[in-house]
Amino acid sequence: MAATVVVEEGNGSSPVWTPVSDIRFCSRDSFNPGVDSPIPIPATGFNYSYWKSLRLAWSGTFTELSNIKVFSDGDIPWQLGTDGGLRAGKKDTGDNGCPETEYEQSGGAQGISGYSIADGVNGHDFYKGESTPTANLSDYIEESPYIIDTGPYGPEDDAFSKHLVVQVRVAPDAIAGQKPSELIRWMWDEI
């Protein structure tokens, strides 16, 4: 029998983890905002979505899960402007995923912009001090995926992975409007 694996999104100060198949980026900490709280296009600089914490959760009969990664098709067509895009928290060495004990609720100016993961003051503490605290997920394709958590996890370990911390960055030359869905795939090794 194989493991049953789902993606979960965490929200709130003491996170509530909810299984998801779709996520929507917005300018507040919300699991399912619909079209409320869009991210405005800034006049200068960047606006950000509130970051999302995503993890894999599993159950079932397996021996080991390891090497949890994500990848895109290499083209996230959201027209978010120059240097805009889908950004993820990044470590200089080791796994890029945030451990459960380092979870942080996203914040910012609700309805305007979330804090950048990379912000030296209000950003995500787990990624502060890194030389490159975020990565563009469109740079990671199936042949060279983004490493979240090498594990390994056995059936007696916690039933969830480290978190992918991800947000949208919007530039002044972004194109306004609702964006099409983009598929980000998760992969892992299982024995």
Protein backbone atom coordinates (compact mmCIF):
# COMPACT_ATOMS: atom_id res chain seq x y z
CA MET A 1 0.00 0.00 0.00
CA ALA A 2 1.22 3.53 -0.74
CA ALA A 3 1.06 6.74 1.24
CA THR A 4 -1.92 9.05 0.74
CA VAL A 5 -0.49 12.55 0.26
CA VAL A 6 -2.29 15.92 0.22
CA VAL A 7 -1.16 19.56 0.02
CA GLU A 8 -2.23 21.69 2.99
CA GLU A 9 -2.30 25.48 3.42
CA GLY A 10 -1.67 27.00 6.85
CA ASN A 11 -3.34 30.24 7.95
CA GLY A 12 -3.55 32.19 11.20
CA SER A 13 -1.19 32.84 14.09
CA SER A 14 -1.58 29.26 15.37
CA PRO A 15 -2.01 27.76 11.94
CA VAL A 16 -5.09 25.94 10.83
CA TRP A 17 -4.02 23.50 8.11
CA THR A 18 -6.56 22.94 5.34
CA PRO A 19 -6.23 20.50 2.40
CA VAL A 20 -6.10 22.43 -0.90
CA SER A 21 -6.01 21.68 -4.59
CA ASP A 22 -6.07 25.37 -5.59
CA ILE A 23 -4.70 28.44 -3.85
CA ARG A 24 -5.39 32.10 -4.54
CA PHE A 25 -2.90 34.82 -3.69
CA CYS A 26 -4.36 37.98 -2.17
CA SER A 27 -3.55 40.91 0.11
CA ARG A 28 -4.62 39.28 3.41
CA ASP A 29 -4.04 36.04 5.32
CA SER A 30 -6.93 34.01 3.95
CA PHE A 31 -7.39 30.39 2.98
CA ASN A 32 -10.04 30.97 0.32
CA PRO A 33 -10.49 34.70 -0.42
CA GLY A 34 -12.33 34.29 -3.71
CA VAL A 35 -11.84 37.55 -5.63
CA ASP A 36 -11.68 39.66 -2.45
CA SER A 37 -8.47 41.49 -1.51
CA PRO A 38 -6.67 41.57 -4.88
CA ILE A 39 -3.06 42.77 -4.98
CA PRO A 40 -3.00 46.34 -6.35
CA ILE A 41 -0.44 47.31 -8.97
CA PRO A 42 2.02 49.71 -7.27
CA ALA A 43 3.02 53.09 -8.68
CA THR A 44 6.66 52.30 -7.78
CA GLY A 45 8.50 49.41 -6.19
CA PHE A 46 6.62 46.16 -5.63
CA ASN A 47 3.44 44.99 -3.95
CA TYR A 48 3.27 41.47 -2.57
CA SER A 49 0.61 38.97 -1.76
CA TYR A 50 0.54 37.78 1.81
CA TRP A 51 2.79 34.72 1.80
CA LYS A 52 1.31 31.23 1.81
CA SER A 53 2.68 28.33 3.85
CA LEU A 54 2.10 25.04 2.05
CA ARG A 55 3.13 21.55 3.15
CA LEU A 56 2.59 17.92 2.27
CA ALA A 57 0.66 15.79 4.76
CA TRP A 58 0.45 12.03 4.52
CA SER A 59 -1.05 8.90 5.95
CA GLY A 60 -1.17 5.25 4.96
CA THR A 61 1.33 2.44 4.84
CA PHE A 62 4.81 3.20 3.54
CA THR A 63 8.42 2.72 4.58
CA GLU A 64 9.88 6.14 3.83
CA LEU A 65 9.10 9.50 2.17
CA SER A 66 11.93 11.83 1.17
CA ASN A 67 13.18 14.40 -1.35
CA ILE A 68 10.06 16.60 -1.43
CA LYS A 69 10.31 19.11 -4.29
CA VAL A 70 8.17 21.39 -6.46
CA PHE A 71 8.49 22.56 -10.05
CA SER A 72 6.66 24.62 -12.67
CA ASP A 73 6.49 24.29 -16.43
CA GLY A 74 9.07 27.10 -16.60
CA ASP A 75 6.61 29.75 -17.76
CA ILE A 76 4.31 31.34 -15.19
CA PRO A 77 2.31 33.58 -17.56
CA TRP A 78 0.85 36.00 -15.06
CA GLN A 79 2.27 39.24 -16.53
CA LEU A 80 3.26 40.55 -13.11
CA GLY A 81 5.73 43.06 -14.58
CA THR A 82 9.49 43.43 -14.60
CA ASP A 83 10.95 41.23 -11.85
CA GLY A 84 7.45 40.29 -10.72
CA GLY A 85 6.56 36.64 -10.32
CA LEU A 86 5.99 33.75 -7.97
CA ARG A 87 8.63 33.91 -5.22
CA ALA A 88 9.50 31.26 -2.61
CA GLY A 89 11.56 31.42 0.57
CA LYS A 90 15.11 30.21 -0.09
CA LYS A 91 18.02 29.16 2.11
CA ASP A 92 21.67 29.52 1.10
CA THR A 93 22.35 25.88 1.96
CA GLY A 94 20.28 22.79 2.70
CA ASP A 95 16.52 22.43 2.40
CA ASN A 96 14.51 25.52 1.42
CA GLY A 97 11.45 24.44 3.39
CA CYS A 98 10.48 26.09 6.66
CA PRO A 99 10.25 23.73 9.66
CA GLU A 100 6.95 23.56 11.57
CA THR A 101 8.54 25.25 14.60
CA GLU A 102 9.49 28.28 12.43
CA TYR A 103 6.00 28.88 10.97
CA GLU A 104 5.06 32.58 10.78
CA GLN A 105 1.73 34.11 9.94
CA SER A 106 1.95 36.47 6.98
CA GLY A 107 1.29 40.16 7.56
CA GLY A 108 1.27 43.50 5.81
CA ALA A 109 -1.11 46.31 4.90
CA GLN A 110 -4.33 44.41 4.26
CA GLY A 111 -5.83 45.26 0.86
CA ILE A 112 -2.54 46.81 -0.35
CA SER A 113 0.52 44.59 0.10
CA GLY A 114 1.90 41.81 2.22
CA TYR A 115 5.42 41.96 3.59
CA SER A 116 8.06 40.49 1.32
CA ILE A 117 9.44 37.17 2.56
CA ALA A 118 12.85 38.81 2.06
CA ASP A 119 12.11 42.05 3.99
CA GLY A 120 14.88 42.56 6.54
CA VAL A 121 12.49 43.87 9.20
CA ASN A 122 9.02 42.38 8.62
CA GLY A 123 9.91 39.42 6.42
CA HIS A 124 9.87 35.76 7.36
CA ASP A 125 12.39 35.25 10.19
CA PHE A 126 13.47 31.84 8.88
CA TYR A 127 14.81 33.41 5.66
CA LYS A 128 16.35 36.60 7.12
CA GLY A 129 20.10 36.85 6.73
CA GLU A 130 20.28 34.66 3.64
CA SER A 131 22.26 36.10 0.73
CA THR A 132 19.36 35.25 -1.62
CA PRO A 133 16.23 34.87 0.59
CA THR A 134 13.80 34.18 -2.26
CA ALA A 135 13.78 32.33 -5.57
CA ASN A 136 11.60 32.66 -8.67
CA LEU A 137 9.67 29.39 -8.98
CA SER A 138 9.46 29.71 -12.77
CA ASP A 139 13.22 28.97 -12.79
CA TYR A 140 12.58 25.46 -11.42
CA ILE A 141 11.37 22.83 -13.89
CA GLU A 142 10.96 19.07 -13.61
CA GLU A 143 14.60 18.41 -14.56
CA SER A 144 15.86 20.78 -11.82
CA PRO A 145 13.11 21.10 -9.18
CA TYR A 146 13.03 23.28 -6.07
CA ILE A 147 14.03 21.33 -2.95
CA ILE A 148 11.61 21.78 -0.04
CA ASP A 149 12.53 18.92 2.32
CA THR A 150 15.00 16.07 1.89
CA GLY A 151 13.58 14.20 4.90
CA PRO A 152 13.54 11.23 5.22
CA TYR A 153 10.29 10.46 7.07
CA GLY A 154 9.20 7.05 8.27
CA PRO A 155 5.67 6.08 9.29
CA GLU A 156 6.47 6.85 12.95
CA ASP A 157 7.61 10.44 12.19
CA ASP A 158 5.52 13.60 11.91
CA ALA A 159 2.94 13.22 9.17
CA PHE A 160 3.87 16.43 7.33
CA SER A 161 6.80 18.06 5.53
CA LYS A 162 8.56 21.36 5.94
CA HIS A 163 6.65 24.27 4.38
CA LEU A 164 6.97 25.86 0.99
CA VAL A 165 6.64 29.59 1.79
CA VAL A 166 5.50 31.33 -1.39
CA GLN A 167 4.07 34.68 -2.53
CA VAL A 168 3.39 36.77 -5.62
CA ARG A 169 5.44 39.92 -6.34
CA VAL A 170 3.74 42.58 -8.51
CA ALA A 171 5.65 45.35 -10.35
CA PRO A 172 4.39 48.74 -11.61
CA ASP A 173 4.24 47.48 -15.22
CA ALA A 174 2.06 44.45 -14.36
CA ILE A 175 -1.09 43.81 -16.39
CA ALA A 176 -4.24 44.20 -14.28
CA GLY A 177 -6.88 41.49 -14.00
CA GLN A 178 -7.53 37.99 -12.76
CA LYS A 179 -4.78 35.62 -13.82
CA PRO A 180 -5.15 32.14 -15.31
CA SER A 181 -4.43 29.06 -13.23
CA GLU A 182 -0.84 27.89 -13.10
CA LEU A 183 0.12 24.34 -12.20
CA ILE A 184 2.89 23.83 -9.66
CA ARG A 185 3.69 20.15 -9.24
CA TRP A 186 4.95 18.41 -6.11
CA MET A 187 7.19 15.35 -6.28
CA TRP A 188 8.76 13.03 -3.70
CA ASP A 189 10.45 9.67 -3.33
CA GLU A 190 8.56 6.88 -1.61
CA ILE A 191 9.57 3.38 -0.61
